Amino acid sequence: MSERRPPRPPTARSVRLGVLLALVGGGLDAYTYVSRGGVFANAQTGNVVLLGVAAAGRHWAQAVRHIPPIIAFVLGVLVTESLKRPRVAVRVRWPARAVLVLEILALFCVGLLPSGAADTAATVLVAFSASLQVATFRKLVDTPYSTAMTTSNLRTATQSAYLAVVARDRDAARRARRFSAVLGAFFAGAIAGGFLTDWEGVHAVWALAGLLALGLVLFVHDERAAARGRRASDAEA
């Protein structure tokens, strides 16, 4: 008797979209590091630590530089949560798609900002964009994950691989494969983002916005495929 396959997850939690978003996450970190002053704008741990170190040394001007990205990240989370409110949800039918559109617009604006004096503004926009992505796409099939940082993903992949080998857990094996794909995509995005930024400079971020546009295409494709499946089922009935 063949093993029953688990049901297909919705697009927002699919492995395909997760891999695509991880590519963008890795690419954004490489982009800001190479072209925007050697900073990482996706995760705010570094900014909080550097803010504390600068404040401890009473380097107030340096400390202040790390505050805007943190505020932008918080604002991104607030925007994402606001999209879930009943009054807003009535007007925004597809919040996940709306977040992708906001992220695309933010990254398009980043590509318009010249390097140098505008790097702080660019970093703020990237932090806002990353926050939207992290706060919206929080599950890979049925497991929490992140598309903008790798620590928790690496832990989950390692734990799952261990259970798959030691306990012969098939669910853990599937989970290990999914998270390995996301980790590989993040790494590939960092490599591609670094090369592309060296080649195109600040405009390289538009390629990442294009990947997010592919994410929108995935939503539309899956919706149409589901509609065709429903029509086929109705016809058979």
Protein backbone atom coordinates (compact mmCIF):
# COMPACT_ATOMS: atom_id res chain seq x y z
CA MET A 1 0.00 0.00 0.00
CA SER A 2 1.47 3.37 -1.05
CA GLU A 3 2.08 6.10 1.53
CA ARG A 4 -0.57 8.78 1.54
CA ARG A 5 0.88 12.15 0.52
CA PRO A 6 0.17 15.12 2.83
CA PRO A 7 -2.24 17.77 1.47
CA ARG A 8 -0.72 20.56 -0.55
CA PRO A 9 -0.15 23.67 1.61
CA PRO A 10 -1.54 27.09 0.61
CA THR A 11 0.74 29.24 -1.53
CA ALA A 12 1.78 31.49 1.35
CA ARG A 13 3.20 28.44 3.18
CA SER A 14 4.48 26.54 0.15
CA VAL A 15 8.07 25.43 -0.29
CA ARG A 16 8.19 27.08 -3.72
CA LEU A 17 7.37 30.50 -2.31
CA GLY A 18 9.62 29.90 0.70
CA VAL A 19 12.58 29.17 -1.57
CA LEU A 20 11.83 32.26 -3.65
CA LEU A 21 11.60 34.51 -0.58
CA ALA A 22 14.79 33.03 0.87
CA LEU A 23 16.58 33.90 -2.38
CA VAL A 24 15.43 37.47 -1.89
CA GLY A 25 16.44 37.44 1.78
CA GLY A 26 19.98 36.33 1.03
CA GLY A 27 20.24 38.71 -1.90
CA LEU A 28 19.13 41.70 0.20
CA ASP A 29 21.75 41.06 2.87
CA ALA A 30 24.46 40.80 0.22
CA TYR A 31 23.14 43.93 -1.51
CA THR A 32 23.19 46.14 1.57
CA TYR A 33 26.57 44.80 2.67
CA VAL A 34 28.23 45.39 -0.73
CA SER A 35 26.57 48.63 -1.83
CA ARG A 36 25.12 50.29 1.29
CA GLY A 37 27.97 50.70 3.72
CA GLY A 38 28.67 47.14 4.88
CA VAL A 39 25.50 46.66 6.91
CA PHE A 40 22.97 43.83 7.19
CA ALA A 41 19.45 45.24 7.05
CA ASN A 42 17.34 42.07 7.25
CA ALA A 43 17.90 41.02 10.87
CA GLN A 44 18.04 43.62 13.61
CA THR A 45 20.15 41.70 16.13
CA GLY A 46 23.32 43.31 14.82
CA ASN A 47 21.81 46.79 14.96
CA VAL A 48 20.67 46.32 18.56
CA VAL A 49 24.11 45.03 19.62
CA LEU A 50 25.98 47.81 17.81
CA LEU A 51 23.59 50.39 19.27
CA GLY A 52 24.36 49.08 22.77
CA VAL A 53 28.11 48.98 22.15
CA ALA A 54 28.14 52.54 20.78
CA ALA A 55 25.99 53.81 23.63
CA ALA A 56 28.24 52.11 26.18
CA GLY A 57 31.20 53.91 24.64
CA ARG A 58 29.25 57.19 24.55
CA HIS A 59 29.64 57.39 20.79
CA TRP A 60 26.20 58.94 20.42
CA ALA A 61 26.45 59.90 16.75
CA GLN A 62 27.39 56.33 15.86
CA ALA A 63 24.68 54.92 18.11
CA VAL A 64 21.96 57.01 16.46
CA ARG A 65 22.80 55.52 13.04
CA HIS A 66 21.48 52.13 14.17
CA ILE A 67 18.11 53.42 15.38
CA PRO A 68 16.31 54.14 12.04
CA PRO A 69 16.51 50.54 10.70
CA ILE A 70 15.16 49.21 14.00
CA ILE A 71 12.25 51.65 13.87
CA ALA A 72 11.61 50.75 10.22
CA PHE A 73 11.52 47.06 11.12
CA VAL A 74 9.00 47.73 13.90
CA LEU A 75 6.84 49.77 11.50
CA GLY A 76 6.87 46.91 9.02
CA VAL A 77 5.53 44.53 11.68
CA LEU A 78 2.83 47.06 12.62
CA VAL A 79 1.77 47.40 8.97
CA THR A 80 1.57 43.62 8.62
CA GLU A 81 -0.52 43.25 11.76
CA SER A 82 -2.78 46.11 10.65
CA LEU A 83 -3.58 44.24 7.44
CA LYS A 84 -5.08 41.47 9.59
CA ARG A 85 -7.52 43.76 11.39
CA PRO A 86 -11.15 43.09 10.42
CA ARG A 87 -11.81 46.61 9.15
CA VAL A 88 -8.72 46.52 6.94
CA ALA A 89 -9.22 42.91 5.85
CA VAL A 90 -12.57 43.88 4.35
CA ARG A 91 -10.78 46.23 1.94
CA VAL A 92 -7.64 44.13 1.39
CA ARG A 93 -8.78 40.74 0.12
CA TRP A 94 -5.31 39.23 -0.24
CA PRO A 95 -3.01 40.57 2.53
CA ALA A 96 -0.07 38.33 1.56
CA ARG A 97 -0.15 39.68 -1.98
CA ALA A 98 -0.53 43.23 -0.68
CA VAL A 99 2.63 42.74 1.40
CA LEU A 100 4.54 41.53 -1.66
CA VAL A 101 3.39 44.60 -3.60
CA LEU A 102 4.51 46.91 -0.76
CA GLU A 103 7.85 45.14 -0.65
CA ILE A 104 8.32 45.45 -4.41
CA LEU A 105 7.57 49.18 -4.25
CA ALA A 106 10.00 49.66 -1.35
CA LEU A 107 12.80 47.86 -3.19
CA PHE A 108 12.10 49.80 -6.37
CA CYS A 109 12.58 53.02 -4.39
CA VAL A 110 15.82 51.64 -2.91
CA GLY A 111 17.19 51.20 -6.42
CA LEU A 112 16.54 54.88 -7.16
CA LEU A 113 18.68 56.07 -4.24
CA PRO A 114 22.35 56.79 -5.05
CA SER A 115 25.07 55.23 -2.93
CA GLY A 116 26.74 57.32 -0.27
CA ALA A 117 24.61 59.95 1.41
CA ALA A 118 21.37 58.03 0.71
CA ASP A 119 22.61 54.73 2.19
CA THR A 120 20.78 55.28 5.49
CA ALA A 121 17.47 55.83 3.68
CA ALA A 122 18.10 52.75 1.55
CA THR A 123 18.88 50.64 4.61
CA VAL A 124 15.70 51.85 6.30
CA LEU A 125 13.60 50.85 3.29
CA VAL A 126 15.26 47.44 3.10
CA ALA A 127 14.67 46.88 6.84
CA PHE A 128 11.01 47.83 6.36
CA SER A 129 10.75 45.47 3.39
CA ALA A 130 12.39 42.60 5.27
CA SER A 131 10.07 43.18 8.22
CA LEU A 132 7.00 42.91 5.99
CA GLN A 133 8.30 39.61 4.61
CA VAL A 134 9.32 38.11 7.95
CA ALA A 135 6.08 39.08 9.72
CA THR A 136 3.83 37.81 6.92
CA PHE A 137 5.43 34.56 5.74
CA ARG A 138 6.11 32.79 9.02
CA LYS A 139 5.38 29.12 8.27
CA LEU A 140 6.94 26.68 5.84
CA VAL A 141 4.07 24.19 5.32
CA ASP A 142 3.42 23.60 9.05
CA THR A 143 6.65 24.74 10.73
CA PRO A 144 7.74 28.26 11.77
CA TYR A 145 10.64 29.64 9.73
CA SER A 146 12.23 32.85 8.50
CA THR A 147 13.06 33.95 4.98
CA ALA A 148 15.40 36.78 6.03
CA MET A 149 17.74 35.03 8.49
CA THR A 150 19.16 31.53 8.86
CA THR A 151 19.83 30.71 12.52
CA SER A 152 16.43 29.23 13.38
CA ASN A 153 16.18 27.54 9.97
CA LEU A 154 19.57 25.88 10.46
CA ARG A 155 18.50 24.65 13.90
CA THR A 156 15.25 23.18 12.54
CA ALA A 157 17.00 21.53 9.59
CA THR A 158 19.61 19.97 11.89
CA GLN A 159 17.06 18.73 14.44
CA SER A 160 14.87 17.29 11.70
CA ALA A 161 17.78 15.55 9.98
CA TYR A 162 18.80 14.03 13.31
CA LEU A 163 15.29 12.65 13.95
CA ALA A 164 15.07 11.39 10.39
CA VAL A 165 18.27 9.37 10.77
CA VAL A 166 18.05 8.26 14.41
CA ALA A 167 14.28 7.80 14.83
CA ARG A 168 13.49 7.08 11.15
CA ASP A 169 10.85 9.81 11.34
CA ARG A 170 9.43 10.39 7.86
CA ASP A 171 7.82 13.70 8.77
CA ALA A 172 11.18 14.91 10.09
CA ALA A 173 12.85 13.79 6.86
CA ARG A 174 10.40 15.83 4.81
CA ARG A 175 10.92 18.81 7.10
CA ALA A 176 14.71 18.48 6.80
CA ARG A 177 14.46 18.52 3.00
CA ARG A 178 12.23 21.60 3.03
CA PHE A 179 14.47 23.57 5.33
CA SER A 180 17.59 22.47 3.49
CA ALA A 181 16.03 23.89 0.33
CA VAL A 182 15.36 27.20 2.08
CA LEU A 183 18.89 27.33 3.52
CA GLY A 184 20.38 26.57 0.11
CA ALA A 185 18.23 29.27 -1.47
CA PHE A 186 19.36 31.86 1.08
CA PHE A 187 23.00 30.99 0.42
CA ALA A 188 22.47 31.06 -3.35
CA GLY A 189 20.72 34.42 -3.02
CA ALA A 190 23.67 35.82 -1.08
CA ILE A 191 26.11 34.64 -3.77
CA ALA A 192 23.98 35.93 -6.64
CA GLY A 193 23.25 39.18 -4.79
CA GLY A 194 26.94 39.80 -4.24
CA PHE A 195 27.86 39.18 -7.87
CA LEU A 196 24.92 41.18 -9.20
CA THR A 197 25.61 44.14 -6.91
CA ASP A 198 29.26 44.21 -7.98
CA TRP A 199 28.06 44.27 -11.56
CA GLU A 200 25.01 46.57 -11.43
CA GLY A 201 25.59 48.58 -8.27
CA VAL A 202 22.57 50.02 -6.44
CA HIS A 203 20.20 49.02 -9.24
CA ALA A 204 20.81 45.32 -8.52
CA VAL A 205 17.99 45.43 -5.98
CA TRP A 206 15.50 45.62 -8.86
CA ALA A 207 16.34 42.02 -9.75
CA LEU A 208 15.21 41.05 -6.24
CA ALA A 209 12.00 43.01 -6.73
CA GLY A 210 11.52 40.95 -9.91
CA LEU A 211 11.78 37.73 -7.87
CA LEU A 212 9.04 39.03 -5.58
CA ALA A 213 6.93 39.69 -8.65
CA LEU A 214 7.33 36.00 -9.48
CA GLY A 215 5.89 35.31 -6.04
CA LEU A 216 2.77 37.21 -7.05
CA VAL A 217 2.60 35.08 -10.19
CA LEU A 218 2.70 31.95 -8.01
CA PHE A 219 -0.37 33.11 -6.09
CA VAL A 220 -2.31 33.72 -9.30
CA HIS A 221 -1.16 30.42 -10.86
CA ASP A 222 -2.15 28.36 -7.80
CA GLU A 223 -5.51 30.10 -7.55
CA ARG A 224 -6.31 29.30 -11.19
CA ALA A 225 -5.11 25.71 -10.81
CA ALA A 226 -7.36 25.28 -7.77
CA ALA A 227 -10.31 26.72 -9.71
CA ARG A 228 -9.69 24.27 -12.57
CA GLY A 229 -9.55 21.42 -10.05
CA ARG A 230 -12.88 22.45 -8.54
CA ARG A 231 -14.49 22.66 -11.98
CA ALA A 232 -13.17 19.18 -12.87
CA SER A 233 -14.53 17.77 -9.60
CA ASP A 234 -17.93 19.35 -10.22
CA ALA A 235 -18.00 17.91 -13.73
CA GLU A 236 -17.23 14.41 -12.45
CA ALA A 237 -19.94 14.74 -9.80
